[in-house]
Amino acid sequence: MTMTRHMARRGAGGPRSPRSRAGNSAQPPVENAQTLRKGSSAFCSMLGDHQFDAVADDSRQGIDSSSRGSGTASGPTAFRRADEWVASLKKNPTPVTFREPITNVAVDDRRDRLAHVRADFKVMRDGAAQSSGVDQFTLVREPSGWKMAVVAYTSLPLG
């Protein structure tokens, strides 16, 4: 979207309309919100389908991955750079195919350059839920499009 169209949509210099969710975030442009939702969902699909080169391509150099899990809310937290994270995914000799549908997606887009996506998820294998949690993605807009900058998630077994 050109800056002129963006300004016309907002009103010259006027604030964006407030989000319906709690907080003081501004409403992102509809196109960005839809693109960010679809991109986040596609990222989860690439992981589940073992398309690790595509995951790396969709990520910004220097992406950080953070996870919390191991069955308890106070389980260990792991932090890795993108290259380390993707390399660890590729090393798995028997990766399990899964689906990770996301719901309750909230998008916060700051000036069309930085965005945060938060979504609930369930990891599904063979049609059965295995775990659930929260995905949080920070994305930056580059000339080629939105790229993942930070991936963080909390995953707990169902129970």
N, C-alpha and C. Protein backbone atom coordinates (compact mmCIF):
# COMPACT_ATOMS: atom_id res chain seq x y z
N MET A 1 0.85 -1.16 0.00
CA MET A 1 0.00 0.00 0.00
C MET A 1 0.90 1.23 0.00
N THR A 2 0.59 2.18 -0.84
CA THR A 2 1.41 3.38 -0.90
C THR A 2 1.15 4.24 0.32
N MET A 3 2.09 5.10 0.63
CA MET A 3 1.92 6.00 1.78
C MET A 3 0.72 6.90 1.58
N THR A 4 0.48 7.35 0.34
CA THR A 4 -0.65 8.23 0.07
C THR A 4 -1.97 7.52 0.38
N ARG A 5 -2.12 6.29 -0.11
CA ARG A 5 -3.35 5.54 0.18
C ARG A 5 -3.48 5.29 1.67
N HIS A 6 -2.37 5.00 2.33
CA HIS A 6 -2.41 4.73 3.77
C HIS A 6 -2.88 5.98 4.52
N MET A 7 -2.33 7.11 4.16
CA MET A 7 -2.72 8.36 4.83
C MET A 7 -4.19 8.69 4.55
N ALA A 8 -4.64 8.44 3.31
CA ALA A 8 -6.04 8.72 2.98
C ALA A 8 -6.97 7.83 3.80
N ARG A 9 -6.59 6.59 3.99
CA ARG A 9 -7.42 5.68 4.76
C ARG A 9 -7.53 6.14 6.20
N ARG A 10 -6.42 6.58 6.78
CA ARG A 10 -6.40 7.00 8.18
C ARG A 10 -7.01 8.38 8.35
N GLY A 11 -6.96 9.17 7.31
CA GLY A 11 -7.31 10.57 7.45
C GLY A 11 -6.00 11.31 7.66
N ALA A 12 -5.82 12.40 6.98
CA ALA A 12 -4.54 13.10 7.01
C ALA A 12 -4.13 13.43 8.43
N GLY A 13 -3.13 12.71 8.89
CA GLY A 13 -2.57 12.98 10.21
C GLY A 13 -3.40 12.51 11.38
N GLY A 14 -4.58 11.95 11.13
CA GLY A 14 -5.44 11.53 12.22
C GLY A 14 -5.03 10.20 12.80
N PRO A 15 -5.39 9.93 14.02
CA PRO A 15 -5.02 8.66 14.64
C PRO A 15 -5.82 7.51 14.06
N ARG A 16 -5.26 6.34 14.15
CA ARG A 16 -5.98 5.14 13.75
C ARG A 16 -7.06 4.88 14.79
N SER A 17 -8.09 4.16 14.38
CA SER A 17 -9.15 3.86 15.34
C SER A 17 -8.63 2.87 16.37
N PRO A 18 -9.09 2.96 17.61
CA PRO A 18 -8.59 2.07 18.65
C PRO A 18 -9.00 0.63 18.39
N ARG A 19 -8.19 -0.28 18.86
CA ARG A 19 -8.49 -1.70 18.73
C ARG A 19 -9.63 -2.05 19.68
N SER A 20 -10.32 -3.13 19.33
CA SER A 20 -11.41 -3.56 20.20
C SER A 20 -10.88 -4.33 21.40
N ARG A 21 -9.65 -4.86 21.29
CA ARG A 21 -9.07 -5.59 22.42
C ARG A 21 -8.51 -4.59 23.42
N ALA A 22 -8.29 -5.07 24.62
CA ALA A 22 -7.74 -4.21 25.67
C ALA A 22 -6.36 -3.73 25.27
N GLY A 23 -5.98 -2.61 25.75
CA GLY A 23 -4.65 -2.07 25.47
C GLY A 23 -4.77 -0.76 24.72
N ASN A 24 -3.62 -0.16 24.48
CA ASN A 24 -3.65 1.13 23.81
C ASN A 24 -3.11 1.04 22.39
N SER A 25 -3.17 -0.16 21.78
CA SER A 25 -2.67 -0.36 20.43
C SER A 25 -3.62 0.25 19.43
N ALA A 26 -3.08 0.65 18.31
CA ALA A 26 -3.88 1.18 17.22
C ALA A 26 -4.30 0.04 16.30
N GLN A 27 -5.43 0.22 15.60
CA GLN A 27 -5.92 -0.78 14.66
C GLN A 27 -5.00 -0.84 13.45
N PRO A 28 -4.45 -2.02 13.12
CA PRO A 28 -3.60 -2.11 11.96
C PRO A 28 -4.42 -2.03 10.69
N PRO A 29 -3.80 -1.61 9.59
CA PRO A 29 -4.54 -1.64 8.32
C PRO A 29 -5.01 -3.07 8.06
N VAL A 30 -6.21 -3.20 7.51
CA VAL A 30 -6.80 -4.52 7.31
C VAL A 30 -5.90 -5.41 6.47
N GLU A 31 -5.29 -4.86 5.42
CA GLU A 31 -4.44 -5.67 4.55
C GLU A 31 -3.25 -6.24 5.33
N ASN A 32 -2.61 -5.43 6.16
CA ASN A 32 -1.48 -5.91 6.94
C ASN A 32 -1.93 -6.98 7.93
N ALA A 33 -3.03 -6.78 8.60
CA ALA A 33 -3.51 -7.76 9.58
C ALA A 33 -3.78 -9.10 8.90
N GLN A 34 -4.45 -9.07 7.75
CA GLN A 34 -4.72 -10.32 7.03
C GLN A 34 -3.44 -10.98 6.56
N THR A 35 -2.52 -10.20 6.03
CA THR A 35 -1.24 -10.72 5.56
C THR A 35 -0.47 -11.33 6.73
N LEU A 36 -0.44 -10.66 7.86
CA LEU A 36 0.29 -11.15 9.02
C LEU A 36 -0.35 -12.42 9.58
N ARG A 37 -1.68 -12.48 9.61
CA ARG A 37 -2.36 -13.70 10.09
C ARG A 37 -2.04 -14.88 9.18
N LYS A 38 -2.17 -14.66 7.85
CA LYS A 38 -1.91 -15.73 6.89
C LYS A 38 -0.44 -16.15 6.93
N GLY A 39 0.46 -15.19 7.03
CA GLY A 39 1.88 -15.49 7.08
C GLY A 39 2.26 -16.28 8.33
N SER A 40 1.67 -15.94 9.46
CA SER A 40 1.95 -16.66 10.70
C SER A 40 1.43 -18.09 10.62
N SER A 41 0.25 -18.26 10.05
CA SER A 41 -0.32 -19.58 9.88
C SER A 41 0.53 -20.41 8.91
N ALA A 42 0.99 -19.78 7.83
CA ALA A 42 1.84 -20.48 6.85
C ALA A 42 3.16 -20.89 7.48
N PHE A 43 3.71 -20.04 8.35
CA PHE A 43 4.96 -20.35 9.04
C PHE A 43 4.78 -21.63 9.88
N CYS A 44 3.67 -21.72 10.59
CA CYS A 44 3.39 -22.92 11.39
C CYS A 44 3.23 -24.15 10.49
N SER A 45 2.61 -23.98 9.33
CA SER A 45 2.45 -25.09 8.39
C SER A 45 3.80 -25.55 7.84
N MET A 46 4.69 -24.61 7.54
CA MET A 46 6.02 -24.98 7.05
C MET A 46 6.77 -25.80 8.09
N LEU A 47 6.64 -25.42 9.36
CA LEU A 47 7.28 -26.19 10.43
C LEU A 47 6.72 -27.61 10.48
N GLY A 48 5.40 -27.73 10.44
CA GLY A 48 4.75 -29.03 10.52
C GLY A 48 5.04 -29.93 9.34
N ASP A 49 5.34 -29.32 8.18
CA ASP A 49 5.63 -30.09 6.97
C ASP A 49 7.13 -30.27 6.73
N HIS A 50 7.93 -29.88 7.70
CA HIS A 50 9.40 -30.02 7.64
C HIS A 50 10.03 -29.22 6.50
N GLN A 51 9.45 -28.10 6.14
CA GLN A 51 9.99 -27.23 5.10
C GLN A 51 10.95 -26.23 5.75
N PHE A 52 12.04 -26.77 6.28
CA PHE A 52 12.93 -25.96 7.11
C PHE A 52 13.69 -24.91 6.31
N ASP A 53 13.99 -25.16 5.03
CA ASP A 53 14.62 -24.13 4.21
C ASP A 53 13.66 -22.96 4.00
N ALA A 54 12.37 -23.26 3.83
CA ALA A 54 11.37 -22.21 3.69
C ALA A 54 11.23 -21.42 4.99
N VAL A 55 11.33 -22.12 6.13
CA VAL A 55 11.29 -21.45 7.43
C VAL A 55 12.45 -20.46 7.51
N ALA A 56 13.64 -20.90 7.10
CA ALA A 56 14.82 -20.03 7.12
C ALA A 56 14.63 -18.85 6.17
N ASP A 57 14.07 -19.09 4.97
CA ASP A 57 13.84 -18.01 4.01
C ASP A 57 12.83 -17.00 4.52
N ASP A 58 11.86 -17.47 5.29
CA ASP A 58 10.79 -16.61 5.80
C ASP A 58 11.22 -15.85 7.05
N SER A 59 12.43 -16.14 7.50
CA SER A 59 12.93 -15.53 8.72
C SER A 59 14.01 -14.52 8.41
N ARG A 60 14.06 -13.53 9.23
CA ARG A 60 15.08 -12.49 9.11
C ARG A 60 16.39 -13.02 9.67
N GLN A 61 17.50 -12.65 9.07
CA GLN A 61 18.79 -13.05 9.62
C GLN A 61 18.84 -12.58 11.07
N GLY A 62 19.28 -13.45 11.95
CA GLY A 62 19.38 -13.07 13.35
C GLY A 62 18.11 -13.31 14.14
N ILE A 63 17.12 -14.02 13.53
CA ILE A 63 15.90 -14.34 14.27
C ILE A 63 16.26 -15.04 15.58
N ASP A 64 15.49 -14.77 16.58
CA ASP A 64 15.65 -15.45 17.86
C ASP A 64 14.45 -16.36 18.07
N SER A 65 14.69 -17.53 18.60
CA SER A 65 13.62 -18.47 18.94
C SER A 65 13.66 -18.69 20.43
N SER A 66 12.52 -18.60 21.06
CA SER A 66 12.42 -18.81 22.50
C SER A 66 11.28 -19.77 22.75
N SER A 67 11.50 -20.76 23.58
CA SER A 67 10.42 -21.69 23.89
C SER A 67 10.39 -21.97 25.38
N ARG A 68 9.21 -22.28 25.85
CA ARG A 68 9.04 -22.66 27.25
C ARG A 68 8.09 -23.85 27.24
N GLY A 69 8.42 -24.87 27.96
CA GLY A 69 7.55 -26.03 27.96
C GLY A 69 7.99 -27.08 28.94
N SER A 70 8.18 -28.28 28.46
CA SER A 70 8.56 -29.45 29.26
C SER A 70 7.51 -29.84 30.28
N GLY A 71 6.25 -29.56 29.98
CA GLY A 71 5.19 -30.10 30.80
C GLY A 71 4.76 -29.27 32.00
N THR A 72 5.52 -28.26 32.35
CA THR A 72 5.11 -27.43 33.49
C THR A 72 5.22 -25.97 33.11
N ALA A 73 4.45 -25.16 33.75
CA ALA A 73 4.49 -23.73 33.47
C ALA A 73 5.84 -23.14 33.82
N SER A 74 6.59 -23.79 34.67
CA SER A 74 7.90 -23.27 35.04
C SER A 74 9.03 -24.05 34.38
N GLY A 75 8.71 -24.78 33.29
CA GLY A 75 9.71 -25.57 32.57
C GLY A 75 10.82 -24.70 32.03
N PRO A 76 11.87 -25.34 31.51
CA PRO A 76 13.02 -24.59 31.04
C PRO A 76 12.67 -23.69 29.85
N THR A 77 13.40 -22.62 29.73
CA THR A 77 13.26 -21.73 28.60
C THR A 77 14.51 -21.87 27.74
N ALA A 78 14.31 -21.96 26.43
CA ALA A 78 15.44 -22.10 25.51
C ALA A 78 15.46 -20.90 24.56
N PHE A 79 16.63 -20.35 24.33
CA PHE A 79 16.81 -19.25 23.39
C PHE A 79 17.82 -19.68 22.35
N ARG A 80 17.52 -19.49 21.07
CA ARG A 80 18.44 -19.85 20.00
C ARG A 80 18.37 -18.84 18.87
N ARG A 81 19.48 -18.70 18.16
CA ARG A 81 19.49 -17.92 16.92
C ARG A 81 18.83 -18.75 15.83
N ALA A 82 18.39 -18.10 14.77
CA ALA A 82 17.68 -18.78 13.69
C ALA A 82 18.50 -19.90 13.09
N ASP A 83 19.76 -19.64 12.79
CA ASP A 83 20.56 -20.68 12.16
C ASP A 83 20.70 -21.90 13.06
N GLU A 84 20.83 -21.69 14.36
CA GLU A 84 20.92 -22.81 15.30
C GLU A 84 19.60 -23.57 15.38
N TRP A 85 18.50 -22.82 15.41
CA TRP A 85 17.18 -23.42 15.52
C TRP A 85 16.87 -24.26 14.29
N VAL A 86 17.08 -23.68 13.09
CA VAL A 86 16.80 -24.42 11.85
C VAL A 86 17.73 -25.63 11.73
N ALA A 87 19.00 -25.47 12.10
CA ALA A 87 19.93 -26.60 12.05
C ALA A 87 19.47 -27.73 12.97
N SER A 88 18.96 -27.38 14.15
CA SER A 88 18.48 -28.43 15.07
C SER A 88 17.25 -29.13 14.50
N LEU A 89 16.39 -28.38 13.81
CA LEU A 89 15.21 -28.99 13.18
C LEU A 89 15.63 -29.97 12.08
N LYS A 90 16.62 -29.56 11.28
CA LYS A 90 17.09 -30.39 10.18
C LYS A 90 17.80 -31.65 10.66
N LYS A 91 18.40 -31.61 11.84
CA LYS A 91 19.14 -32.77 12.36
C LYS A 91 18.24 -33.91 12.80
N ASN A 92 16.98 -33.64 13.05
CA ASN A 92 16.07 -34.67 13.53
C ASN A 92 15.89 -35.72 12.43
N PRO A 93 16.33 -36.97 12.66
CA PRO A 93 16.25 -37.99 11.61
C PRO A 93 14.82 -38.48 11.35
N THR A 94 13.93 -38.28 12.30
CA THR A 94 12.54 -38.75 12.14
C THR A 94 11.56 -37.66 12.58
N PRO A 95 11.53 -36.55 11.85
CA PRO A 95 10.59 -35.49 12.25
C PRO A 95 9.14 -35.96 12.10
N VAL A 96 8.32 -35.54 13.01
CA VAL A 96 6.91 -35.91 13.00
C VAL A 96 6.13 -34.79 12.31
N THR A 97 5.29 -35.18 11.35
CA THR A 97 4.44 -34.20 10.68
C THR A 97 3.30 -33.82 11.62
N PHE A 98 3.02 -32.54 11.68
CA PHE A 98 1.95 -32.06 12.56
C PHE A 98 1.28 -30.86 11.95
N ARG A 99 0.16 -30.50 12.48
CA ARG A 99 -0.55 -29.26 12.13
C ARG A 99 -0.59 -28.43 13.38
N GLU A 100 -0.52 -27.12 13.20
CA GLU A 100 -0.58 -26.21 14.33
C GLU A 100 -1.54 -25.08 14.00
N PRO A 101 -2.84 -25.39 14.01
CA PRO A 101 -3.80 -24.32 13.72
C PRO A 101 -3.76 -23.26 14.82
N ILE A 102 -3.83 -22.01 14.40
CA ILE A 102 -3.81 -20.92 15.36
C ILE A 102 -5.19 -20.27 15.43
N THR A 103 -5.55 -19.84 16.63
CA THR A 103 -6.84 -19.20 16.87
C THR A 103 -6.62 -17.98 17.76
N ASN A 104 -7.67 -17.20 17.94
CA ASN A 104 -7.60 -16.01 18.79
C ASN A 104 -6.39 -15.15 18.42
N VAL A 105 -6.24 -14.92 17.13
CA VAL A 105 -5.08 -14.19 16.63
C VAL A 105 -5.26 -12.70 16.88
N ALA A 106 -4.26 -12.09 17.50
CA ALA A 106 -4.25 -10.64 17.71
C ALA A 106 -3.02 -10.08 16.99
N VAL A 107 -3.24 -9.03 16.21
CA VAL A 107 -2.17 -8.42 15.43
C VAL A 107 -2.00 -6.98 15.89
N ASP A 108 -0.78 -6.60 16.18
CA ASP A 108 -0.44 -5.22 16.52
C ASP A 108 0.64 -4.79 15.53
N ASP A 109 0.30 -3.86 14.68
CA ASP A 109 1.18 -3.41 13.59
C ASP A 109 1.57 -1.96 13.87
N ARG A 110 2.85 -1.71 13.98
CA ARG A 110 3.33 -0.37 14.29
C ARG A 110 3.93 0.31 13.07
N ARG A 111 3.17 1.20 12.48
CA ARG A 111 3.65 2.02 11.38
C ARG A 111 4.11 1.20 10.17
N ASP A 112 3.51 0.06 9.95
CA ASP A 112 3.79 -0.78 8.78
C ASP A 112 5.23 -1.26 8.70
N ARG A 113 5.98 -1.22 9.77
CA ARG A 113 7.37 -1.69 9.75
C ARG A 113 7.64 -2.79 10.77
N LEU A 114 6.93 -2.76 11.87
CA LEU A 114 7.12 -3.72 12.94
C LEU A 114 5.75 -4.23 13.36
N ALA A 115 5.64 -5.53 13.54
CA ALA A 115 4.35 -6.09 13.92
C ALA A 115 4.56 -7.21 14.94
N HIS A 116 3.53 -7.41 15.75
CA HIS A 116 3.53 -8.48 16.73
C HIS A 116 2.25 -9.28 16.51
N VAL A 117 2.40 -10.60 16.45
CA VAL A 117 1.25 -11.49 16.30
C VAL A 117 1.25 -12.43 17.50
N ARG A 118 0.10 -12.53 18.16
CA ARG A 118 -0.08 -13.43 19.30
C ARG A 118 -1.25 -14.33 18.97
N ALA A 119 -1.07 -15.65 19.15
CA ALA A 119 -2.14 -16.58 18.82
C ALA A 119 -2.08 -17.81 19.72
N ASP A 120 -3.25 -18.33 20.04
CA ASP A 120 -3.33 -19.62 20.73
C ASP A 120 -3.13 -20.71 19.68
N PHE A 121 -2.59 -21.85 20.09
CA PHE A 121 -2.42 -22.96 19.14
C PHE A 121 -2.66 -24.29 19.83
N LYS A 122 -2.90 -25.28 19.00
CA LYS A 122 -2.91 -26.69 19.41
C LYS A 122 -2.07 -27.43 18.38
N VAL A 123 -1.18 -28.28 18.85
CA VAL A 123 -0.41 -29.14 17.96
C VAL A 123 -1.25 -30.39 17.72
N MET A 124 -1.53 -30.67 16.45
CA MET A 124 -2.38 -31.80 16.07
C MET A 124 -1.55 -32.82 15.30
N ARG A 125 -1.66 -34.09 15.70
CA ARG A 125 -1.03 -35.20 14.99
C ARG A 125 -2.10 -36.25 14.73
N ASP A 126 -2.23 -36.64 13.49
CA ASP A 126 -3.23 -37.65 13.11
C ASP A 126 -4.62 -37.28 13.64
N GLY A 127 -4.94 -36.00 13.60
CA GLY A 127 -6.26 -35.53 14.01
C GLY A 127 -6.48 -35.39 15.50
N ALA A 128 -5.47 -35.71 16.31
CA ALA A 128 -5.62 -35.62 17.76
C ALA A 128 -4.71 -34.52 18.32
N ALA A 129 -5.25 -33.74 19.25
CA ALA A 129 -4.47 -32.67 19.87
C ALA A 129 -3.41 -33.29 20.78
N GLN A 130 -2.17 -32.80 20.66
CA GLN A 130 -1.05 -33.28 21.46
C GLN A 130 -0.64 -32.30 22.56
N SER A 131 -0.71 -31.03 22.23
CA SER A 131 -0.33 -29.99 23.19
C SER A 131 -1.00 -28.69 22.75
N SER A 132 -0.93 -27.71 23.62
CA SER A 132 -1.49 -26.40 23.29
C SER A 132 -0.61 -25.33 23.92
N GLY A 133 -0.82 -24.11 23.48
CA GLY A 133 -0.03 -23.04 24.04
C GLY A 133 -0.27 -21.73 23.32
N VAL A 134 0.72 -20.86 23.40
CA VAL A 134 0.65 -19.54 22.80
C VAL A 134 1.88 -19.32 21.92
N ASP A 135 1.64 -18.88 20.68
CA ASP A 135 2.70 -18.44 19.78
C ASP A 135 2.76 -16.93 19.84
N GLN A 136 3.97 -16.40 19.83
CA GLN A 136 4.15 -14.95 19.73
C GLN A 136 5.25 -14.70 18.71
N PHE A 137 4.90 -13.95 17.67
CA PHE A 137 5.84 -13.64 16.60
C PHE A 137 6.04 -12.14 16.52
N THR A 138 7.28 -11.72 16.39
CA THR A 138 7.59 -10.33 16.06
C THR A 138 8.11 -10.35 14.64
N LEU A 139 7.53 -9.52 13.79
CA LEU A 139 7.90 -9.46 12.39
C LEU A 139 8.36 -8.07 12.01
N VAL A 140 9.28 -7.98 11.06
CA VAL A 140 9.71 -6.70 10.52
C VAL A 140 9.45 -6.72 9.02
N ARG A 141 9.09 -5.56 8.50
CA ARG A 141 8.86 -5.47 7.06
C ARG A 141 10.18 -5.13 6.38
N GLU A 142 10.54 -5.98 5.43
CA GLU A 142 11.72 -5.76 4.60
C GLU A 142 11.23 -5.53 3.18
N PRO A 143 12.10 -5.10 2.27
CA PRO A 143 11.64 -4.87 0.89
C PRO A 143 10.96 -6.09 0.27
N SER A 144 11.36 -7.30 0.68
CA SER A 144 10.77 -8.52 0.12
C SER A 144 9.47 -8.91 0.83
N GLY A 145 9.12 -8.23 1.92
CA GLY A 145 7.89 -8.54 2.65
C GLY A 145 8.17 -8.73 4.13
N TRP A 146 7.15 -9.21 4.85
CA TRP A 146 7.27 -9.44 6.30
C TRP A 146 8.18 -10.62 6.56
N LYS A 147 9.08 -10.48 7.53
CA LYS A 147 10.00 -11.54 7.93
C LYS A 147 9.92 -11.72 9.44
N MET A 148 9.99 -12.97 9.87
CA MET A 148 10.01 -13.28 11.30
C MET A 148 11.31 -12.76 11.89
N ALA A 149 11.22 -12.04 12.99
CA ALA A 149 12.40 -11.55 13.69
C ALA A 149 12.56 -12.29 15.02
N VAL A 150 11.44 -12.57 15.68
CA VAL A 150 11.47 -13.30 16.95
C VAL A 150 10.29 -14.28 16.94
N VAL A 151 10.58 -15.52 17.31
CA VAL A 151 9.55 -16.55 17.47
C VAL A 151 9.62 -16.99 18.93
N ALA A 152 8.52 -16.88 19.63
CA ALA A 152 8.47 -17.33 21.02
C ALA A 152 7.18 -18.12 21.21
N TYR A 153 7.26 -19.16 22.00
CA TYR A 153 6.05 -19.94 22.25
C TYR A 153 6.14 -20.64 23.59
N THR A 154 4.98 -20.92 24.13
CA THR A 154 4.84 -21.73 25.33
C THR A 154 3.97 -22.90 24.96
N SER A 155 4.44 -24.11 25.22
CA SER A 155 3.69 -25.31 24.85
C SER A 155 3.59 -26.23 26.06
N LEU A 156 2.38 -26.62 26.36
CA LEU A 156 2.13 -27.52 27.48
C LEU A 156 1.30 -28.71 27.02
N PRO A 157 1.56 -29.89 27.55
CA PRO A 157 0.75 -31.04 27.16
C PRO A 157 -0.69 -30.85 27.61
N LEU A 158 -1.58 -31.47 26.89
CA LEU A 158 -3.00 -31.42 27.29
C LEU A 158 -3.17 -32.25 28.54
N GLY A 159 -4.04 -31.81 29.37
CA GLY A 159 -4.20 -32.63 30.56
C GLY A 159 -5.14 -32.11 31.50
